[in-house]
Amino acid sequence: MPYLLISPALVYLVFFIGYPLIQAILLAFFDDMGRPTLEYIQILLNDIYFSDAVKYTLLLASVAIPIQLAIAVALALLINTKIRGYNAFLYIYTIPLVLSDIAAATIWYTLLASYGLINRVIISLGGEKIYFLSSRHPELQFFSIVVAEVWRATAIVFVIVLAGLQTIPRDLIEAAEVFGATALQRLRHIVLPLLKPSIQAALLIRTLFAMQVFATAWVLTGRSIPVLAGEAYYWYTELLNPHVAAIYGLIIAGITIVIGILYIKFLRLKHLEGV
């Protein structure tokens, strides 16, 4: 009976994770004739975009995710106080969740382009045009991707954190207030420790998506700011080399797994440390 209950999960793991993973490994380390080879790894290492793709993918995640987590926690704490109009805010703030990556990136492209809305406002106020998306200014391109990603994906972190915040027993907060704990002390010693499972889940999900970021970077900057998922797409569709694309996919999976293990290790709850 227990095996029957978990069979849907096992079927999902086998067909949607296990099988694609095995196929990616076969593509990465075997040629079209089925012979083992390291040729495609050598091609990858000689690719001038590879090191930049790794750098920008990790940099984007390390910059965007902490910003998203900070905003999500702050907003969740505010909304949890049931301020006036919080229901309307929830609906409005989660709108980016229903947009596709391409749609969200296109919105920001129209805002940040050289003749986009933001530059029109700047020029109307007497300022000079800012070339956010010009390849001559990679720092502005990277900034634009970060802004678009924070706008697009913070909502999912916010929803998870808010759900976790609402499971914290109100009795604990009230007891701390009775004993004279300040708001900061309650946040530090009660709220944040009890939010660890939600924060852990939010970070795992957000990191998974951050490692797969593609449409935002591709629409806004093309290959000027290469990312791992974008390079996998380029090698598969433009260069017609699924072997190198598979290696890029395995690298994304490997980085995500390592970061996920670190999250689980360092955000482990104290009562589970002996388990």
Protein backbone atom coordinates (compact mmCIF):
# COMPACT_ATOMS: atom_id res chain seq x y z
CA MET A 1 0.00 0.00 0.00
CA PRO A 2 2.74 2.60 0.82
CA TYR A 3 4.38 1.95 -2.54
CA LEU A 4 1.05 2.47 -4.28
CA LEU A 5 0.66 5.86 -2.61
CA ILE A 6 4.06 7.09 -3.75
CA SER A 7 3.84 5.54 -7.22
CA PRO A 8 2.65 8.78 -8.93
CA ALA A 9 5.70 10.60 -7.56
CA LEU A 10 7.98 7.74 -8.65
CA VAL A 11 6.50 7.73 -12.15
CA TYR A 12 7.02 11.49 -12.38
CA LEU A 13 10.64 11.21 -11.20
CA VAL A 14 11.44 8.40 -13.61
CA PHE A 15 9.86 9.84 -16.76
CA PHE A 16 10.30 13.58 -16.29
CA ILE A 17 13.61 13.75 -14.39
CA GLY A 18 15.39 10.40 -14.62
CA TYR A 19 14.91 9.75 -18.34
CA PRO A 20 15.86 13.29 -19.50
CA LEU A 21 18.90 13.20 -17.19
CA ILE A 22 20.10 9.90 -18.64
CA GLN A 23 19.58 11.20 -22.18
CA ALA A 24 21.54 14.38 -21.37
CA ILE A 25 24.44 12.29 -20.02
CA LEU A 26 24.42 10.10 -23.13
CA LEU A 27 24.41 13.16 -25.40
CA ALA A 28 27.23 14.79 -23.41
CA PHE A 29 29.62 11.84 -23.34
CA PHE A 30 28.76 9.80 -26.44
CA ASP A 31 28.94 10.73 -30.11
CA ASP A 32 26.32 10.03 -32.76
CA MET A 33 27.75 6.54 -33.29
CA GLY A 34 27.40 5.69 -29.59
CA ARG A 35 31.13 5.86 -28.86
CA PRO A 36 32.33 7.51 -25.61
CA THR A 37 34.07 10.83 -26.20
CA LEU A 38 35.20 13.98 -24.44
CA GLU A 39 35.15 15.98 -27.66
CA TYR A 40 32.06 17.97 -26.72
CA ILE A 41 33.51 18.96 -23.36
CA GLN A 42 36.58 20.27 -25.20
CA ILE A 43 34.32 22.24 -27.54
CA LEU A 44 32.52 23.68 -24.53
CA LEU A 45 35.74 24.71 -22.81
CA ASN A 46 36.95 26.41 -25.99
CA ASP A 47 33.70 28.35 -26.35
CA ILE A 48 34.42 32.04 -25.69
CA TYR A 49 30.96 32.50 -24.17
CA PHE A 50 31.22 29.64 -21.65
CA SER A 51 33.09 31.38 -18.82
CA ASP A 52 30.98 34.52 -19.18
CA ALA A 53 27.79 32.44 -19.14
CA VAL A 54 28.83 30.79 -15.87
CA LYS A 55 29.91 34.14 -14.40
CA TYR A 56 26.77 36.05 -15.31
CA THR A 57 24.39 33.23 -14.30
CA LEU A 58 25.95 32.95 -10.84
CA LEU A 59 26.28 36.72 -10.51
CA LEU A 60 22.66 37.27 -11.47
CA ALA A 61 21.49 34.71 -8.90
CA SER A 62 23.76 36.09 -6.16
CA VAL A 63 22.50 39.65 -6.73
CA ALA A 64 18.82 39.12 -7.55
CA ILE A 65 17.90 36.41 -5.03
CA PRO A 66 18.99 38.28 -1.84
CA ILE A 67 17.15 41.40 -3.08
CA GLN A 68 14.03 39.36 -3.81
CA LEU A 69 14.17 37.62 -0.44
CA ALA A 70 14.60 40.91 1.45
CA ILE A 71 11.70 42.55 -0.41
CA ALA A 72 9.50 39.46 -0.01
CA VAL A 73 10.09 39.18 3.75
CA ALA A 74 9.55 42.92 4.30
CA LEU A 75 6.33 42.95 2.30
CA ALA A 76 5.06 39.73 3.92
CA LEU A 77 5.63 41.20 7.39
CA LEU A 78 3.78 44.35 6.34
CA ILE A 79 0.86 42.49 4.75
CA ASN A 80 0.60 40.15 7.72
CA THR A 81 -0.37 43.14 9.86
CA LYS A 82 -3.57 43.31 7.76
CA ILE A 83 -3.08 46.92 6.76
CA ARG A 84 -5.90 48.63 4.91
CA GLY A 85 -6.09 47.56 1.27
CA TYR A 86 -3.85 44.51 1.70
CA ASN A 87 -6.18 42.30 -0.38
CA ALA A 88 -5.94 44.65 -3.36
CA PHE A 89 -2.17 44.78 -2.95
CA LEU A 90 -1.96 40.98 -3.01
CA TYR A 91 -3.83 40.79 -6.32
CA ILE A 92 -1.78 43.58 -7.91
CA TYR A 93 1.62 42.39 -6.68
CA THR A 94 1.11 38.82 -7.91
CA ILE A 95 0.24 39.91 -11.48
CA PRO A 96 3.81 39.14 -12.73
CA LEU A 97 3.27 35.50 -11.74
CA VAL A 98 0.74 35.03 -14.53
CA LEU A 99 2.99 36.59 -17.19
CA SER A 100 5.29 34.47 -19.29
CA ASP A 101 9.01 35.21 -19.17
CA ILE A 102 8.88 36.57 -22.71
CA ALA A 103 5.98 38.89 -21.92
CA ALA A 104 7.67 40.23 -18.79
CA ALA A 105 10.95 40.76 -20.64
CA THR A 106 9.16 42.52 -23.51
CA ILE A 107 7.50 44.91 -21.06
CA TRP A 108 10.87 45.88 -19.63
CA TYR A 109 12.38 46.15 -23.11
CA THR A 110 9.76 48.76 -24.03
CA LEU A 111 10.56 50.62 -20.82
CA LEU A 112 14.36 50.51 -21.04
CA ALA A 113 15.00 50.79 -24.80
CA SER A 114 16.77 53.89 -26.08
CA TYR A 115 13.41 55.37 -27.09
CA GLY A 116 11.44 53.62 -24.37
CA LEU A 117 9.19 55.16 -21.76
CA ILE A 118 11.90 55.70 -19.14
CA ASN A 119 14.18 57.53 -21.55
CA ARG A 120 11.28 59.64 -22.79
CA VAL A 121 10.60 60.74 -19.24
CA ILE A 122 14.29 61.48 -18.65
CA ILE A 123 14.52 63.56 -21.85
CA SER A 124 11.29 65.43 -21.04
CA LEU A 125 12.82 66.40 -17.69
CA GLY A 126 15.90 67.78 -19.44
CA GLY A 127 18.19 64.81 -18.84
CA GLU A 128 20.32 62.83 -21.27
CA LYS A 129 19.31 59.53 -22.75
CA ILE A 130 20.59 56.46 -20.86
CA TYR A 131 21.48 53.45 -22.99
CA PHE A 132 20.40 50.72 -20.59
CA LEU A 133 20.53 47.97 -23.21
CA SER A 134 23.60 48.99 -25.20
CA SER A 135 26.40 46.44 -25.48
CA ARG A 136 28.80 49.32 -24.81
CA HIS A 137 27.50 49.42 -21.23
CA PRO A 138 27.47 45.83 -19.91
CA GLU A 139 27.00 47.07 -16.35
CA LEU A 140 23.75 48.78 -17.34
CA GLN A 141 22.65 45.69 -19.26
CA PHE A 142 23.24 43.55 -16.19
CA PHE A 143 21.42 46.08 -14.01
CA SER A 144 18.46 45.97 -16.42
CA ILE A 145 18.26 42.18 -16.21
CA VAL A 146 18.39 42.29 -12.41
CA VAL A 147 15.59 44.88 -12.25
CA ALA A 148 13.41 42.88 -14.64
CA GLU A 149 14.02 39.63 -12.74
CA VAL A 150 13.30 41.23 -9.36
CA TRP A 151 10.03 42.63 -10.71
CA ARG A 152 9.07 39.39 -12.42
CA ALA A 153 9.93 36.77 -9.81
CA THR A 154 9.82 38.37 -6.35
CA ALA A 155 6.09 37.60 -6.12
CA ILE A 156 6.65 33.83 -5.91
CA VAL A 157 9.06 34.29 -2.99
CA PHE A 158 6.60 36.69 -1.37
CA VAL A 159 3.68 34.24 -1.62
CA ILE A 160 5.70 31.40 -0.05
CA VAL A 161 7.03 33.58 2.77
CA LEU A 162 3.60 35.06 3.49
CA ALA A 163 2.07 31.59 3.67
CA GLY A 164 4.75 30.54 6.14
CA LEU A 165 4.30 33.70 8.18
CA GLN A 166 0.59 33.02 8.58
CA THR A 167 1.29 29.57 10.08
CA ILE A 168 3.23 31.04 13.02
CA PRO A 169 1.03 30.75 16.12
CA ARG A 170 -0.15 34.13 17.31
CA ASP A 171 0.17 32.88 20.91
CA LEU A 172 3.96 32.91 20.65
CA ILE A 173 4.03 36.52 19.52
CA GLU A 174 1.61 37.59 22.24
CA ALA A 175 3.58 35.74 24.92
CA ALA A 176 6.75 37.50 23.83
CA GLU A 177 4.96 40.84 23.98
CA VAL A 178 3.81 40.08 27.55
CA PHE A 179 7.41 39.40 28.58
CA GLY A 180 8.50 42.71 27.11
CA ALA A 181 10.15 41.59 23.87
CA THR A 182 10.55 44.39 21.36
CA ALA A 183 9.38 44.08 17.76
CA LEU A 184 12.97 43.50 16.64
CA GLN A 185 13.50 40.81 19.28
CA ARG A 186 10.27 39.07 18.28
CA LEU A 187 11.36 39.17 14.65
CA ARG A 188 14.85 37.83 15.39
CA HIS A 189 14.04 35.13 17.95
CA ILE A 190 10.55 33.97 16.95
CA VAL A 191 9.45 34.99 13.46
CA LEU A 192 12.60 34.40 11.41
CA PRO A 193 13.51 31.04 13.04
CA LEU A 194 9.99 29.75 12.44
CA LEU A 195 10.11 31.08 8.87
CA LYS A 196 13.17 28.98 8.02
CA PRO A 197 11.21 26.18 6.29
CA SER A 198 9.37 28.70 4.12
CA ILE A 199 12.54 30.63 3.37
CA GLN A 200 14.29 27.39 2.50
CA ALA A 201 11.52 26.38 0.10
CA ALA A 202 11.44 29.86 -1.46
CA LEU A 203 15.21 29.92 -1.95
CA LEU A 204 15.25 26.44 -3.48
CA ILE A 205 12.50 27.27 -5.96
CA ARG A 206 13.88 30.70 -6.79
CA THR A 207 17.42 29.38 -7.26
CA LEU A 208 16.12 26.67 -9.57
CA PHE A 209 14.46 29.32 -11.72
CA ALA A 210 17.46 31.67 -11.48
CA MET A 211 19.79 29.01 -12.88
CA GLN A 212 17.35 28.59 -15.78
CA VAL A 213 16.96 32.31 -16.52
CA PHE A 214 16.83 32.75 -20.27
CA ALA A 215 14.06 34.87 -21.77
CA THR A 216 14.76 37.98 -19.72
CA ALA A 217 18.46 38.06 -20.59
CA TRP A 218 17.88 37.02 -24.21
CA VAL A 219 15.19 39.61 -24.96
CA LEU A 220 16.97 42.48 -23.20
CA THR A 221 20.59 41.85 -24.20
CA GLY A 222 20.85 38.90 -26.57
CA ARG A 223 24.27 37.25 -26.16
CA SER A 224 25.88 40.43 -24.85
CA ILE A 225 25.16 39.10 -21.36
CA PRO A 226 25.33 35.32 -21.89
CA VAL A 227 23.67 32.95 -19.42
CA LEU A 228 23.87 29.17 -19.22
CA ALA A 229 20.30 28.46 -20.32
CA GLY A 230 20.67 30.91 -23.20
CA GLU A 231 23.83 29.20 -24.40
CA ALA A 232 22.14 25.80 -24.20
CA TYR A 233 19.33 27.17 -26.37
CA TYR A 234 21.80 28.73 -28.83
CA TRP A 235 23.86 25.57 -29.24
CA TYR A 236 20.76 23.43 -29.71
CA THR A 237 18.76 25.63 -32.10
CA GLU A 238 21.30 27.79 -33.90
CA LEU A 239 24.45 25.65 -33.98
CA LEU A 240 22.46 22.38 -34.11
CA ASN A 241 24.70 20.69 -31.55
CA PRO A 242 22.58 18.91 -28.92
CA HIS A 243 25.71 17.39 -27.36
CA VAL A 244 27.15 20.69 -26.15
CA ALA A 245 23.65 21.91 -25.25
CA ALA A 246 23.27 18.81 -23.04
CA ILE A 247 26.49 19.64 -21.22
CA TYR A 248 25.18 23.12 -20.52
CA GLY A 249 22.02 21.51 -19.13
CA LEU A 250 24.03 19.20 -16.89
CA ILE A 251 26.04 22.16 -15.58
CA ILE A 252 22.82 23.99 -14.72
CA ALA A 253 21.52 20.88 -12.93
CA GLY A 254 24.81 20.37 -11.07
CA ILE A 255 25.01 23.96 -9.84
CA THR A 256 21.36 23.86 -8.74
CA ILE A 257 21.87 20.61 -6.80
CA VAL A 258 24.98 21.93 -5.02
CA ILE A 259 23.28 25.19 -4.04
CA GLY A 260 20.18 23.26 -2.92
CA ILE A 261 22.30 21.05 -0.65
CA LEU A 262 23.90 24.14 0.86
CA TYR A 263 20.49 25.68 1.51
CA ILE A 264 19.28 22.51 3.25
CA LYS A 265 22.48 22.29 5.31
CA PHE A 266 22.64 25.87 6.52
CA LEU A 267 18.89 26.46 6.93
CA ARG A 268 18.30 23.18 8.76
CA LEU A 269 16.02 23.55 11.79
CA LYS A 270 17.67 22.95 15.17
CA HIS A 271 15.20 20.23 16.17
CA LEU A 272 16.14 18.31 12.99
CA GLU A 273 19.92 18.58 13.35
CA GLY A 274 20.18 15.20 15.02
CA VAL A 275 18.03 13.46 12.43
